[in-house]
Amino acid sequence: MILNTAERRKIEAVIELCREARERLQPNAPFRLRVLLDMTLLELGKELARLNGDRAV
């Protein structure tokens, strides 16, 4: 399945929100929260690449 422009933009918006949340975390934020956001970003990026037909994923 290949994404249309609107679907891709929605996923990119979610990725951007997660990235901003990760950057705004205080240095003393719980380790699990930081890891959860990192893992979420990784999975969203992989899914976006897969849905865009990137064969490297």
PDB file of N, CA and C in Angstrom:
ATOM      1  N   MET A   1       0.844  -1.180   0.000  1.00  0.00           N
ATOM      2  CA  MET A   1       0.000   0.000   0.000  1.00  0.00           C
ATOM      3  C   MET A   1       0.887   1.241   0.000  1.00  0.00           C
ATOM      4  N   ILE A   2       0.617   2.155  -0.882  1.00  0.00           N
ATOM      5  CA  ILE A   2       1.358   3.407  -0.941  1.00  0.00           C
ATOM      6  C   ILE A   2       0.438   4.526  -0.455  1.00  0.00           C
ATOM      7  N   LEU A   3       0.989   5.397   0.377  1.00  0.00           N
ATOM      8  CA  LEU A   3       0.209   6.481   0.972  1.00  0.00           C
ATOM      9  C   LEU A   3      -0.086   7.587  -0.019  1.00  0.00           C
ATOM     10  N   ASN A   4      -1.255   8.192   0.163  1.00  0.00           N
ATOM     11  CA  ASN A   4      -1.502   9.409  -0.597  1.00  0.00           C
ATOM     12  C   ASN A   4      -0.927  10.579   0.208  1.00  0.00           C
ATOM     13  N   THR A   5      -0.944  11.740  -0.359  1.00  0.00           N
ATOM     14  CA  THR A   5      -0.310  12.907   0.259  1.00  0.00           C
ATOM     15  C   THR A   5      -0.919  13.244   1.614  1.00  0.00           C
ATOM     16  N   ALA A   6      -2.228  13.188   1.730  1.00  0.00           N
ATOM     17  CA  ALA A   6      -2.897  13.532   2.990  1.00  0.00           C
ATOM     18  C   ALA A   6      -2.523  12.552   4.096  1.00  0.00           C
ATOM     19  N   GLU A   7      -2.490  11.268   3.778  1.00  0.00           N
ATOM     20  CA  GLU A   7      -2.126  10.258   4.778  1.00  0.00           C
ATOM     21  C   GLU A   7      -0.682  10.435   5.225  1.00  0.00           C
ATOM     22  N   ARG A   8       0.205  10.684   4.269  1.00  0.00           N
ATOM     23  CA  ARG A   8       1.612  10.881   4.599  1.00  0.00           C
ATOM     24  C   ARG A   8       1.784  12.100   5.495  1.00  0.00           C
ATOM     25  N   ARG A   9       1.075  13.172   5.204  1.00  0.00           N
ATOM     26  CA  ARG A   9       1.177  14.386   6.016  1.00  0.00           C
ATOM     27  C   ARG A   9       0.678  14.160   7.441  1.00  0.00           C
ATOM     28  N   LYS A  10      -0.351  13.348   7.598  1.00  0.00           N
ATOM     29  CA  LYS A  10      -0.856  13.037   8.941  1.00  0.00           C
ATOM     30  C   LYS A  10       0.204  12.294   9.751  1.00  0.00           C
ATOM     31  N   ILE A  11       0.821  11.302   9.154  1.00  0.00           N
ATOM     32  CA  ILE A  11       1.861  10.559   9.860  1.00  0.00           C
ATOM     33  C   ILE A  11       3.044  11.466  10.158  1.00  0.00           C
ATOM     34  N   GLU A  12       3.424  12.298   9.203  1.00  0.00           N
ATOM     35  CA  GLU A  12       4.534  13.225   9.428  1.00  0.00           C
ATOM     36  C   GLU A  12       4.219  14.200  10.555  1.00  0.00           C
ATOM     37  N   ALA A  13       2.954  14.619  10.683  1.00  0.00           N
ATOM     38  CA  ALA A  13       2.553  15.529  11.760  1.00  0.00           C
ATOM     39  C   ALA A  13       2.683  14.835  13.115  1.00  0.00           C
ATOM     40  N   VAL A  14       2.299  13.567  13.182  1.00  0.00           N
ATOM     41  CA  VAL A  14       2.430  12.811  14.432  1.00  0.00           C
ATOM     42  C   VAL A  14       3.905  12.640  14.786  1.00  0.00           C
ATOM     43  N   ILE A  15       4.725  12.348  13.792  1.00  0.00           N
ATOM     44  CA  ILE A  15       6.162  12.214  14.023  1.00  0.00           C
ATOM     45  C   ILE A  15       6.719  13.523  14.566  1.00  0.00           C
ATOM     46  N   GLU A  16       6.319  14.632  13.992  1.00  0.00           N
ATOM     47  CA  GLU A  16       6.805  15.941  14.436  1.00  0.00           C
ATOM     48  C   GLU A  16       6.367  16.235  15.874  1.00  0.00           C
ATOM     49  N   LEU A  17       5.132  15.895  16.217  1.00  0.00           N
ATOM     50  CA  LEU A  17       4.661  16.105  17.591  1.00  0.00           C
ATOM     51  C   LEU A  17       5.466  15.273  18.583  1.00  0.00           C
ATOM     52  N   CYS A  18       5.728  14.029  18.243  1.00  0.00           N
ATOM     53  CA  CYS A  18       6.528  13.163  19.121  1.00  0.00           C
ATOM     54  C   CYS A  18       7.952  13.685  19.242  1.00  0.00           C
ATOM     55  N   ARG A  19       8.518  14.146  18.140  1.00  0.00           N
ATOM     56  CA  ARG A  19       9.874  14.687  18.159  1.00  0.00           C
ATOM     57  C   ARG A  19       9.951  15.926  19.047  1.00  0.00           C
ATOM     58  N   GLU A  20       8.960  16.796  18.932  1.00  0.00           N
ATOM     59  CA  GLU A  20       8.933  17.999  19.766  1.00  0.00           C
ATOM     60  C   GLU A  20       8.762  17.643  21.239  1.00  0.00           C
ATOM     61  N   ALA A  21       7.916  16.672  21.515  1.00  0.00           N
ATOM     62  CA  ALA A  21       7.723  16.234  22.902  1.00  0.00           C
ATOM     63  C   ALA A  21       9.032  15.694  23.461  1.00  0.00           C
ATOM     64  N   ARG A  22       9.748  14.922  22.658  1.00  0.00           N
ATOM     65  CA  ARG A  22      11.032  14.348  23.106  1.00  0.00           C
ATOM     66  C   ARG A  22      12.045  15.451  23.386  1.00  0.00           C
ATOM     67  N   GLU A  23      12.083  16.468  22.547  1.00  0.00           N
ATOM     68  CA  GLU A  23      13.033  17.568  22.736  1.00  0.00           C
ATOM     69  C   GLU A  23      12.705  18.422  23.959  1.00  0.00           C
ATOM     70  N   ARG A  24      11.436  18.504  24.313  1.00  0.00           N
ATOM     71  CA  ARG A  24      11.021  19.354  25.430  1.00  0.00           C
ATOM     72  C   ARG A  24      11.144  18.675  26.789  1.00  0.00           C
ATOM     73  N   LEU A  25      11.444  17.404  26.788  1.00  0.00           N
ATOM     74  CA  LEU A  25      11.575  16.698  28.067  1.00  0.00           C
ATOM     75  C   LEU A  25      12.706  17.299  28.889  1.00  0.00           C
ATOM     76  N   GLN A  26      12.464  17.395  30.156  1.00  0.00           N
ATOM     77  CA  GLN A  26      13.501  17.860  31.073  1.00  0.00           C
ATOM     78  C   GLN A  26      14.583  16.789  31.181  1.00  0.00           C
ATOM     79  N   PRO A  27      15.805  17.195  31.485  1.00  0.00           N
ATOM     80  CA  PRO A  27      16.890  16.217  31.625  1.00  0.00           C
ATOM     81  C   PRO A  27      16.595  15.156  32.685  1.00  0.00           C
ATOM     82  N   ASN A  28      15.782  15.503  33.661  1.00  0.00           N
ATOM     83  CA  ASN A  28      15.465  14.537  34.719  1.00  0.00           C
ATOM     84  C   ASN A  28      14.153  13.784  34.448  1.00  0.00           C
ATOM     85  N   ALA A  29      13.662  13.826  33.207  1.00  0.00           N
ATOM     86  CA  ALA A  29      12.442  13.093  32.848  1.00  0.00           C
ATOM     87  C   ALA A  29      12.704  11.596  33.011  1.00  0.00           C
ATOM     88  N   PRO A  30      11.670  10.851  33.332  1.00  0.00           N
ATOM     89  CA  PRO A  30      11.855   9.409  33.520  1.00  0.00           C
ATOM     90  C   PRO A  30      12.465   8.746  32.279  1.00  0.00           C
ATOM     91  N   PHE A  31      13.413   7.872  32.536  1.00  0.00           N
ATOM     92  CA  PHE A  31      14.100   7.157  31.465  1.00  0.00           C
ATOM     93  C   PHE A  31      13.101   6.422  30.573  1.00  0.00           C
ATOM     94  N   ARG A  32      12.118   5.781  31.183  1.00  0.00           N
ATOM     95  CA  ARG A  32      11.132   5.011  30.408  1.00  0.00           C
ATOM     96  C   ARG A  32      10.356   5.903  29.440  1.00  0.00           C
ATOM     97  N   LEU A  33      10.058   7.113  29.859  1.00  0.00           N
ATOM     98  CA  LEU A  33       9.342   8.039  28.982  1.00  0.00           C
ATOM     99  C   LEU A  33      10.194   8.415  27.778  1.00  0.00           C
ATOM    100  N   ARG A  34      11.465   8.703  28.030  1.00  0.00           N
ATOM    101  CA  ARG A  34      12.365   9.041  26.925  1.00  0.00           C
ATOM    102  C   ARG A  34      12.498   7.874  25.950  1.00  0.00           C
ATOM    103  N   VAL A  35      12.645   6.680  26.488  1.00  0.00           N
ATOM    104  CA  VAL A  35      12.778   5.491  25.640  1.00  0.00           C
ATOM    105  C   VAL A  35      11.485   5.237  24.873  1.00  0.00           C
ATOM    106  N   LEU A  36      10.354   5.402  25.524  1.00  0.00           N
ATOM    107  CA  LEU A  36       9.068   5.198  24.853  1.00  0.00           C
ATOM    108  C   LEU A  36       8.912   6.147  23.674  1.00  0.00           C
ATOM    109  N   LEU A  37       9.250   7.409  23.863  1.00  0.00           N
ATOM    110  CA  LEU A  37       9.157   8.367  22.761  1.00  0.00           C
ATOM    111  C   LEU A  37      10.134   8.022  21.646  1.00  0.00           C
ATOM    112  N   ASP A  38      11.349   7.624  22.013  1.00  0.00           N
ATOM    113  CA  ASP A  38      12.330   7.232  20.994  1.00  0.00           C
ATOM    114  C   ASP A  38      11.831   6.028  20.192  1.00  0.00           C
ATOM    115  N   MET A  39      11.287   5.046  20.878  1.00  0.00           N
ATOM    116  CA  MET A  39      10.784   3.846  20.192  1.00  0.00           C
ATOM    117  C   MET A  39       9.587   4.184  19.309  1.00  0.00           C
ATOM    118  N   THR A  40       8.727   5.075  19.791  1.00  0.00           N
ATOM    119  CA  THR A  40       7.570   5.493  19.006  1.00  0.00           C
ATOM    120  C   THR A  40       8.027   6.196  17.733  1.00  0.00           C
ATOM    121  N   LEU A  41       8.998   7.087  17.863  1.00  0.00           N
ATOM    122  CA  LEU A  41       9.529   7.775  16.687  1.00  0.00           C
ATOM    123  C   LEU A  41      10.146   6.797  15.694  1.00  0.00           C
ATOM    124  N   LEU A  42      10.888   5.842  16.196  1.00  0.00           N
ATOM    125  CA  LEU A  42      11.507   4.846  15.328  1.00  0.00           C
ATOM    126  C   LEU A  42      10.450   4.045  14.574  1.00  0.00           C
ATOM    127  N   GLU A  43       9.439   3.582  15.269  1.00  0.00           N
ATOM    128  CA  GLU A  43       8.393   2.776  14.633  1.00  0.00           C
ATOM    129  C   GLU A  43       7.576   3.592  13.634  1.00  0.00           C
ATOM    130  N   LEU A  44       7.274   4.833  13.969  1.00  0.00           N
ATOM    131  CA  LEU A  44       6.532   5.682  13.032  1.00  0.00           C
ATOM    132  C   LEU A  44       7.350   5.927  11.768  1.00  0.00           C
ATOM    133  N   GLY A  45       8.633   6.176  11.935  1.00  0.00           N
ATOM    134  CA  GLY A  45       9.495   6.378  10.772  1.00  0.00           C
ATOM    135  C   GLY A  45       9.579   5.142   9.903  1.00  0.00           C
ATOM    136  N   LYS A  46       9.707   3.993  10.535  1.00  0.00           N
ATOM    137  CA  LYS A  46       9.760   2.741   9.778  1.00  0.00           C
ATOM    138  C   LYS A  46       8.444   2.490   9.039  1.00  0.00           C
ATOM    139  N   GLU A  47       7.342   2.756   9.708  1.00  0.00           N
ATOM    140  CA  GLU A  47       6.034   2.539   9.086  1.00  0.00           C
ATOM    141  C   GLU A  47       5.826   3.502   7.918  1.00  0.00           C
ATOM    142  N   LEU A  48       6.225   4.740   8.095  1.00  0.00           N
ATOM    143  CA  LEU A  48       6.112   5.719   7.004  1.00  0.00           C
ATOM    144  C   LEU A  48       6.936   5.278   5.811  1.00  0.00           C
ATOM    145  N   ALA A  49       8.146   4.839   6.051  1.00  0.00           N
ATOM    146  CA  ALA A  49       8.996   4.372   4.958  1.00  0.00           C
ATOM    147  C   ALA A  49       8.390   3.144   4.284  1.00  0.00           C
ATOM    148  N   ARG A  50       7.869   2.217   5.079  1.00  0.00           N
ATOM    149  CA  ARG A  50       7.261   0.999   4.510  1.00  0.00           C
ATOM    150  C   ARG A  50       6.054   1.341   3.645  1.00  0.00           C
ATOM    151  N   LEU A  51       5.216   2.224   4.156  1.00  0.00           N
ATOM    152  CA  LEU A  51       4.006   2.583   3.410  1.00  0.00           C
ATOM    153  C   LEU A  51       4.307   3.408   2.169  1.00  0.00           C
ATOM    154  N   ASN A  52       5.447   4.065   2.166  1.00  0.00           N
ATOM    155  CA  ASN A  52       5.849   4.816   0.991  1.00  0.00           C
ATOM    156  C   ASN A  52       6.541   3.935  -0.040  1.00  0.00           C
ATOM    157  N   GLY A  53       6.685   2.667   0.284  1.00  0.00           N
ATOM    158  CA  GLY A  53       7.259   1.736  -0.679  1.00  0.00           C
ATOM    159  C   GLY A  53       8.769   1.698  -0.647  1.00  0.00           C
ATOM    160  N   ASP A  54       9.385   2.162   0.431  1.00  0.00           N
ATOM    161  CA  ASP A  54      10.846   2.125   0.549  1.00  0.00           C
ATOM    162  C   ASP A  54      11.272   0.683   0.802  1.00  0.00           C
ATOM    163  N   ARG A  55      12.039   0.126  -0.112  1.00  0.00           N
ATOM    164  CA  ARG A  55      12.458  -1.275  -0.018  1.00  0.00           C
ATOM    165  C   ARG A  55      13.531  -1.507   1.039  1.00  0.00           C
ATOM    166  N   ALA A  56      14.151  -0.459   1.542  1.00  0.00           N
ATOM    167  CA  ALA A  56      15.226  -0.622   2.528  1.00  0.00           C
ATOM    168  C   ALA A  56      14.701  -0.995   3.905  1.00  0.00           C
ATOM    169  N   VAL A  57      13.408  -0.878   4.122  1.00  0.00           N
ATOM    170  CA  VAL A  57      12.830  -1.132   5.449  1.00  0.00           C
ATOM    171  C   VAL A  57      12.453  -2.588   5.581  1.00  0.00           C
TER     172      VAL A  57
END
